[in-house]
Every structure is written in C-alpha cells, then in structure tokens.
C-alpha atoms as a PDB file:
ATOM      1  CA  UNK A   1      -8.304   9.973   1.600  1.00  0.00           C
ATOM      2  CA  UNK A   2      -5.145   9.488   3.899  1.00  0.00           C
ATOM      3  CA  UNK A   3      -4.219  13.249   3.257  1.00  0.00           C
ATOM      4  CA  UNK A   4      -7.618  14.212   4.390  1.00  0.00           C
ATOM      5  CA  UNK A   5      -7.408  12.691   7.691  1.00  0.00           C
ATOM      6  CA  UNK A   6      -3.148  12.867   8.283  1.00  0.00           C
ATOM      7  CA  UNK A   7      -2.788  14.135  12.190  1.00  0.00           C
ATOM      8  CA  UNK A   8      -6.615  14.221  12.667  1.00  0.00           C
ATOM      9  CA  UNK A   9      -7.153  13.488  16.118  1.00  0.00           C
ATOM     10  CA  UNK A  10     -11.058  12.870  15.542  1.00  0.00           C
ATOM     11  CA  UNK A  11     -12.851  12.218  12.806  1.00  0.00           C
ATOM     12  CA  UNK A  12     -16.593  12.472  12.015  1.00  0.00           C
ATOM     13  CA  UNK A  13     -18.550  11.585   8.888  1.00  0.00           C
ATOM     14  CA  UNK A  14     -21.291  13.490   7.487  1.00  0.00           C
ATOM     15  CA  UNK A  15     -24.037  12.308   5.192  1.00  0.00           C
ATOM     16  CA  UNK A  16     -26.359  14.273   2.694  1.00  0.00           C
ATOM     17  CA  UNK A  17     -29.200  14.798   5.019  1.00  0.00           C
ATOM     18  CA  UNK A  18     -26.726  16.613   7.323  1.00  0.00           C
ATOM     19  CA  UNK A  19     -26.623  13.926   9.995  1.00  0.00           C
ATOM     20  CA  UNK A  20     -22.962  13.538  11.662  1.00  0.00           C
ATOM     21  CA  UNK A  21     -21.819  10.449  13.649  1.00  0.00           C
ATOM     22  CA  UNK A  22     -18.290   9.793  15.172  1.00  0.00           C
ATOM     23  CA  UNK A  23     -15.470   7.741  13.378  1.00  0.00           C
ATOM     24  CA  UNK A  24     -12.676   6.332  14.113  1.00  0.00           C
ATOM     25  CA  UNK A  25      -9.651   5.638  11.434  1.00  0.00           C
ATOM     26  CA  UNK A  26      -8.747   1.979  11.143  1.00  0.00           C
ATOM     27  CA  UNK A  27      -6.211   2.115   8.149  1.00  0.00           C
ATOM     28  CA  UNK A  28      -4.028   4.369   6.496  1.00  0.00           C
ATOM     29  CA  UNK A  29      -1.648   4.037   3.380  1.00  0.00           C
ATOM     30  CA  UNK A  30      -0.055   6.970   2.502  1.00  0.00           C
ATOM     31  CA  UNK A  31       1.721   5.310  -0.480  1.00  0.00           C
ATOM     32  CA  UNK A  32      -1.960   5.107  -2.015  1.00  0.00           C
ATOM     33  CA  UNK A  33      -3.411   7.689  -0.245  1.00  0.00           C
ATOM     34  CA  UNK A  34      -5.984   5.660   0.890  1.00  0.00           C
ATOM     35  CA  UNK A  35      -7.975   5.379   4.565  1.00  0.00           C
ATOM     36  CA  UNK A  36     -10.741   3.545   5.901  1.00  0.00           C
ATOM     37  CA  UNK A  37     -13.005   4.786   8.832  1.00  0.00           C
ATOM     38  CA  UNK A  38     -15.227   3.021  10.747  1.00  0.00           C
ATOM     39  CA  UNK A  39     -18.177   4.815  11.974  1.00  0.00           C
ATOM     40  CA  UNK A  40     -18.705   4.279  16.005  1.00  0.00           C
ATOM     41  CA  UNK A  41     -21.160   6.447  16.766  1.00  0.00           C
ATOM     42  CA  UNK A  42     -23.686   4.641  18.997  1.00  0.00           C
ATOM     43  CA  UNK A  43     -26.936   6.086  16.722  1.00  0.00           C
ATOM     44  CA  UNK A  44     -25.585   5.080  13.313  1.00  0.00           C
ATOM     45  CA  UNK A  45     -27.489   2.653  11.872  1.00  0.00           C
ATOM     46  CA  UNK A  46     -25.551   0.360   9.632  1.00  0.00           C
ATOM     47  CA  UNK A  47     -25.919  -0.825   5.943  1.00  0.00           C
ATOM     48  CA  UNK A  48     -26.561  -4.249   4.980  1.00  0.00           C
ATOM     49  CA  UNK A  49     -25.380  -3.542   1.382  1.00  0.00           C
ATOM     50  CA  UNK A  50     -24.253  -0.655  -0.837  1.00  0.00           C
ATOM     51  CA  UNK A  51     -26.166  -0.044  -4.019  1.00  0.00           C
ATOM     52  CA  UNK A  52     -22.621   0.078  -5.575  1.00  0.00           C
ATOM     53  CA  UNK A  53     -19.930  -2.179  -6.286  1.00  0.00           C
ATOM     54  CA  UNK A  54     -16.228  -1.548  -6.738  1.00  0.00           C
ATOM     55  CA  UNK A  55     -14.578  -2.550  -9.859  1.00  0.00           C
ATOM     56  CA  UNK A  56     -11.472  -4.589 -10.214  1.00  0.00           C
ATOM     57  CA  UNK A  57     -10.559  -2.777 -13.490  1.00  0.00           C
ATOM     58  CA  UNK A  58      -9.804   0.862 -13.530  1.00  0.00           C
ATOM     59  CA  UNK A  59     -11.661   1.851 -16.825  1.00  0.00           C
ATOM     60  CA  UNK A  60     -10.670   2.641 -20.168  1.00  0.00           C
ATOM     61  CA  UNK A  61      -9.472   5.995 -21.941  1.00  0.00           C
ATOM     62  CA  UNK A  62     -12.450   8.088 -22.913  1.00  0.00           C
ATOM     63  CA  UNK A  63     -14.867   6.366 -20.498  1.00  0.00           C
ATOM     64  CA  UNK A  64     -17.389   8.452 -19.210  1.00  0.00           C
ATOM     65  CA  UNK A  65     -17.506   8.982 -15.153  1.00  0.00           C
ATOM     66  CA  UNK A  66     -19.121  10.249 -12.453  1.00  0.00           C
ATOM     67  CA  UNK A  67     -18.395  11.502  -9.095  1.00  0.00           C
ATOM     68  CA  UNK A  68     -20.298  12.403  -5.995  1.00  0.00           C
ATOM     69  CA  UNK A  69     -18.601  14.989  -3.392  1.00  0.00           C
ATOM     70  CA  UNK A  70     -18.562  17.714  -0.888  1.00  0.00           C
ATOM     71  CA  UNK A  71     -17.280  20.649  -2.144  1.00  0.00           C
ATOM     72  CA  UNK A  72     -19.558  22.518  -0.788  1.00  0.00           C
ATOM     73  CA  UNK A  73     -21.704  22.029   2.428  1.00  0.00           C
ATOM     74  CA  UNK A  74     -24.453  19.788  -0.105  1.00  0.00           C
ATOM     75  CA  UNK A  75     -23.677  16.648  -2.035  1.00  0.00           C
ATOM     76  CA  UNK A  76     -22.464  17.739  -5.446  1.00  0.00           C
ATOM     77  CA  UNK A  77     -22.418  15.569  -9.193  1.00  0.00           C
ATOM     78  CA  UNK A  78     -20.011  16.105 -11.873  1.00  0.00           C
ATOM     79  CA  UNK A  79     -19.044  14.020 -14.856  1.00  0.00           C
ATOM     80  CA  UNK A  80     -16.614  13.542 -17.239  1.00  0.00           C
ATOM     81  CA  UNK A  81     -14.338  10.925 -18.861  1.00  0.00           C
ATOM     82  CA  UNK A  82     -11.232   8.822 -18.423  1.00  0.00           C
ATOM     83  CA  UNK A  83      -8.251  10.970 -20.086  1.00  0.00           C
ATOM     84  CA  UNK A  84      -5.093   8.704 -19.123  1.00  0.00           C
ATOM     85  CA  UNK A  85      -4.648   5.543 -17.745  1.00  0.00           C
ATOM     86  CA  UNK A  86      -1.631   6.598 -15.707  1.00  0.00           C
ATOM     87  CA  UNK A  87      -1.749  10.004 -12.907  1.00  0.00           C
ATOM     88  CA  UNK A  88       0.814  12.182 -12.651  1.00  0.00           C
ATOM     89  CA  UNK A  89       4.288  11.616 -13.776  1.00  0.00           C
ATOM     90  CA  UNK A  90       2.737   8.079 -15.359  1.00  0.00           C
ATOM     91  CA  UNK A  91       1.977   7.015 -11.799  1.00  0.00           C
ATOM     92  CA  UNK A  92       0.438   3.650 -12.265  1.00  0.00           C
ATOM     93  CA  UNK A  93      -1.311   3.215  -9.178  1.00  0.00           C
ATOM     94  CA  UNK A  94      -3.835   6.223 -10.388  1.00  0.00           C
ATOM     95  CA  UNK A  95      -5.036   7.367 -13.395  1.00  0.00           C
ATOM     96  CA  UNK A  96      -5.600  11.252 -14.813  1.00  0.00           C
ATOM     97  CA  UNK A  97      -9.619  12.022 -15.204  1.00  0.00           C
ATOM     98  CA  UNK A  98     -11.308  15.050 -16.876  1.00  0.00           C
ATOM     99  CA  UNK A  99     -13.686  15.967 -14.297  1.00  0.00           C
ATOM    100  CA  UNK A 100     -14.595  19.270 -12.315  1.00  0.00           C
ATOM    101  CA  UNK A 101     -12.598  18.734  -8.755  1.00  0.00           C
ATOM    102  CA  UNK A 102     -12.707  21.494  -5.946  1.00  0.00           C
ATOM    103  CA  UNK A 103     -11.420  21.095  -2.583  1.00  0.00           C
ATOM    104  CA  UNK A 104     -13.668  18.756  -0.795  1.00  0.00           C
ATOM    105  CA  UNK A 105     -14.161  16.523  -3.436  1.00  0.00           C
ATOM    106  CA  UNK A 106     -10.698  14.221  -2.450  1.00  0.00           C
ATOM    107  CA  UNK A 107     -11.894  11.037  -0.999  1.00  0.00           C
ATOM    108  CA  UNK A 108     -15.351  11.244  -3.308  1.00  0.00           C
ATOM    109  CA  UNK A 109     -15.940   7.988  -5.759  1.00  0.00           C
ATOM    110  CA  UNK A 110     -14.973   8.043  -9.177  1.00  0.00           C
ATOM    111  CA  UNK A 111     -18.234   5.682 -10.569  1.00  0.00           C
ATOM    112  CA  UNK A 112     -18.507   4.294 -14.158  1.00  0.00           C
ATOM    113  CA  UNK A 113     -21.745   3.986 -16.077  1.00  0.00           C
ATOM    114  CA  UNK A 114     -22.964   0.795 -14.100  1.00  0.00           C
ATOM    115  CA  UNK A 115     -22.577   2.643 -10.677  1.00  0.00           C
ATOM    116  CA  UNK A 116     -19.339   0.843  -9.677  1.00  0.00           C
ATOM    117  CA  UNK A 117     -16.433   2.731  -8.281  1.00  0.00           C
ATOM    118  CA  UNK A 118     -13.376   2.578 -10.662  1.00  0.00           C
ATOM    119  CA  UNK A 119     -11.537   4.861  -8.215  1.00  0.00           C
ATOM    120  CA  UNK A 120     -11.527   7.612  -5.391  1.00  0.00           C
ATOM    121  CA  UNK A 121     -10.487  11.487  -6.305  1.00  0.00           C
ATOM    122  CA  UNK A 122      -7.310  12.271  -4.820  1.00  0.00           C
ATOM    123  CA  UNK A 123      -5.922  15.420  -6.621  1.00  0.00           C
ATOM    124  CA  UNK A 124      -5.625  17.829  -9.047  1.00  0.00           C
ATOM    125  CA  UNK A 125      -2.615  19.659 -10.516  1.00  0.00           C
ATOM    126  CA  UNK A 126      -3.663  23.307 -10.042  1.00  0.00           C
ATOM    127  CA  UNK A 127      -0.805  24.532 -12.597  1.00  0.00           C
ATOM    128  CA  UNK A 128      -3.043  22.576 -15.334  1.00  0.00           C
ATOM    129  CA  UNK A 129      -6.594  23.133 -15.826  1.00  0.00           C
ATOM    130  CA  UNK A 130      -8.367  19.614 -15.566  1.00  0.00           C
ATOM    131  CA  UNK A 131      -5.763  17.540 -14.490  1.00  0.00           C
ATOM    132  CA  UNK A 132      -7.281  15.984 -11.696  1.00  0.00           C
ATOM    133  CA  UNK A 133      -6.534  12.702 -10.492  1.00  0.00           C
ATOM    134  CA  UNK A 134      -7.874   9.100  -9.491  1.00  0.00           C
ATOM    135  CA  UNK A 135      -6.550   6.304  -7.379  1.00  0.00           C
ATOM    136  CA  UNK A 136      -7.151   3.013  -9.004  1.00  0.00           C
ATOM    137  CA  UNK A 137     -10.275   0.744  -7.361  1.00  0.00           C
ATOM    138  CA  UNK A 138      -8.033  -2.169  -7.141  1.00  0.00           C
ATOM    139  CA  UNK A 139      -5.752  -0.301  -4.723  1.00  0.00           C
ATOM    140  CA  UNK A 140      -9.239  -0.571  -2.820  1.00  0.00           C
ATOM    141  CA  UNK A 141      -9.207  -3.941  -3.194  1.00  0.00           C
ATOM    142  CA  UNK A 142      -5.345  -4.214  -2.079  1.00  0.00           C
ATOM    143  CA  UNK A 143      -5.859  -2.556   1.107  1.00  0.00           C
ATOM    144  CA  UNK A 144      -8.862  -4.198   1.895  1.00  0.00           C
ATOM    145  CA  UNK A 145      -7.093  -7.524   1.726  1.00  0.00           C
ATOM    146  CA  UNK A 146      -3.824  -5.716   4.409  1.00  0.00           C
ATOM    147  CA  UNK A 147      -6.875  -4.538   6.709  1.00  0.00           C
ATOM    148  CA  UNK A 148      -8.465  -8.436   6.936  1.00  0.00           C
ATOM    149  CA  UNK A 149      -4.679  -9.939   7.122  1.00  0.00           C
ATOM    150  CA  UNK A 150      -3.697  -7.462  10.134  1.00  0.00           C
ATOM    151  CA  UNK A 151      -3.603  -9.247  13.521  1.00  0.00           C
ATOM    152  CA  UNK A 152      -3.214  -6.637  15.241  1.00  0.00           C
ATOM    153  CA  UNK A 153      -5.776  -4.473  14.049  1.00  0.00           C
ATOM    154  CA  UNK A 154      -8.273  -7.538  14.128  1.00  0.00           C
ATOM    155  CA  UNK A 155      -7.445  -8.275  17.204  1.00  0.00           C
ATOM    156  CA  UNK A 156      -8.544  -4.282  18.441  1.00  0.00           C
ATOM    157  CA  UNK A 157     -11.426  -4.584  16.435  1.00  0.00           C
ATOM    158  CA  UNK A 158     -13.025  -8.200  15.435  1.00  0.00           C
ATOM    159  CA  UNK A 159     -15.295  -6.710  12.838  1.00  0.00           C
ATOM    160  CA  UNK A 160     -12.985  -6.018  10.101  1.00  0.00           C
ATOM    161  CA  UNK A 161     -12.557  -9.236   9.295  1.00  0.00           C
ATOM    162  CA  UNK A 162     -16.435  -8.969   8.064  1.00  0.00           C
ATOM    163  CA  UNK A 163     -15.857  -6.236   5.765  1.00  0.00           C
ATOM    164  CA  UNK A 164     -17.512  -7.322   2.530  1.00  0.00           C
ATOM    165  CA  UNK A 165     -16.330  -5.787  -0.723  1.00  0.00           C
ATOM    166  CA  UNK A 166     -19.398  -5.046  -3.121  1.00  0.00           C
ATOM    167  CA  UNK A 167     -18.689  -7.264  -6.168  1.00  0.00           C
ATOM    168  CA  UNK A 168     -21.691  -5.868  -8.150  1.00  0.00           C
ATOM    169  CA  UNK A 169     -24.134  -2.580  -8.501  1.00  0.00           C
ATOM    170  CA  UNK A 170     -27.488  -2.811  -7.710  1.00  0.00           C
ATOM    171  CA  UNK A 171     -27.674   0.400 -10.243  1.00  0.00           C
ATOM    172  CA  UNK A 172     -26.681  -1.277 -13.146  1.00  0.00           C
ATOM    173  CA  UNK A 173     -28.861  -0.063 -15.982  1.00  0.00           C
ATOM    174  CA  UNK A 174     -30.701   2.883 -14.524  1.00  0.00           C
ATOM    175  CA  UNK A 175     -30.599   6.010 -15.554  1.00  0.00           C
ATOM    176  CA  UNK A 176     -27.824   8.255 -14.224  1.00  0.00           C
ATOM    177  CA  UNK A 177     -30.645  10.454 -11.872  1.00  0.00           C
ATOM    178  CA  UNK A 178     -31.455   7.255 -10.449  1.00  0.00           C
ATOM    179  CA  UNK A 179     -28.349   6.127  -9.927  1.00  0.00           C
ATOM    180  CA  UNK A 180     -27.621   9.354  -7.951  1.00  0.00           C
ATOM    181  CA  UNK A 181     -30.720   9.088  -6.083  1.00  0.00           C
ATOM    182  CA  UNK A 182     -29.963   5.654  -4.708  1.00  0.00           C
ATOM    183  CA  UNK A 183     -26.100   6.277  -4.489  1.00  0.00           C
ATOM    184  CA  UNK A 184     -26.143   9.539  -2.988  1.00  0.00           C
ATOM    185  CA  UNK A 185     -26.976   8.491   0.686  1.00  0.00           C
ATOM    186  CA  UNK A 186     -24.109   6.434   0.915  1.00  0.00           C
ATOM    187  CA  UNK A 187     -21.359   9.006   0.275  1.00  0.00           C
ATOM    188  CA  UNK A 188     -20.379  10.774   3.255  1.00  0.00           C
ATOM    189  CA  UNK A 189     -18.092  14.046   3.794  1.00  0.00           C
ATOM    190  CA  UNK A 190     -15.357  13.513   6.367  1.00  0.00           C
ATOM    191  CA  UNK A 191     -14.426  15.951   8.703  1.00  0.00           C
ATOM    192  CA  UNK A 192     -11.185  15.637  10.438  1.00  0.00           C
ATOM    193  CA  UNK A 193      -9.980  17.426  13.584  1.00  0.00           C
END
C-alpha cells in the first residue's frame, strides 16, 4: 500500500522463509493507496509465473474470501466474506470485507475461492468491529497500465514494460490448504525505513 511506503528512504521485503531482499518503489498512487515495488537484490531469483490471477471483478456480496499477510513475523491466514461492494463512506474504489485484520495485514491480497486476487487489504475502521476495507483489483490493472505508459519510468527502468498481469490462477479447483501452500511463497512482508 502507498501508506506503508510513504516517506520511506529504503524498502526491504521478506518472504515466508525469512529471506530479506532490497526493493525499490517504482510507483505510488496515494489516491488508490497502491504502491508497486521492484526487488533489486542481486541474490533474488525472479519468478517466471505466479500461482494466482488478478481478477477484473471485485467479487460479489457474501462471496467467501481469504487473505495471507504478516501481522506477525510469520505469514498468517484469514478467511471471511465480502460484506459490502463499496468501501468507507461509499468509496467505489474499495469494498468492505468481514475478515480479521491487524497492523501488518495492509497490502495483503484478498483472494476468492479460485485463488484470484480480488482486492488488496488497506484499512480497518477501529470504531466499528469487523469494518475492514480492501482496494478493488480493477485498480491494480489501472495502476499497471499507468506504469507501462509512464515514459519517465520506462526510460529509467525498461523492465516495467515487461510486467505481465496474471489472468488466471493455477490453484483454481484445489482445496484451500493446497492453495495456501502454493500461494504463500509469493506473499512478502514489506519493511519500510
């Protein structure tokens, strides 16, 4: 999320095995609270494909969802459902979800039963129990298109043009435990300094 890396002078990411890598911020959109990072560490081995897709829809009211995130030092699984198709005060960029969220869950994916990302967890309202919000996945697509068309960014880092958006999940149809086992290696804790 943009609020996680705002004012950061350095960023590192950590995988579920505890390995840390240097990263740089390549895009920030405070309006949608999205930020994109690129792992720059020479020791990092880039992946060729991701096990999850990114959905162009944001899910349906009552739809079962799950998340993986880092409210602790280890990855944590949570499940819930889509409770409103809009976010705080009717925000159409976001949706409300009924899922446990704690500091450290921000930026974690919200996934549907097929293992497709339908949103990114970004906020919780502390005055209301269970009021958690996620940025809809369509904003990820919009932001990626902005990145790919930013001539200054492309000039500084031509690899941004090669960003591929996963269209389908390779974990569709698997039992949830198997989905989590496949996906958890691709969810990183973001540390900003």
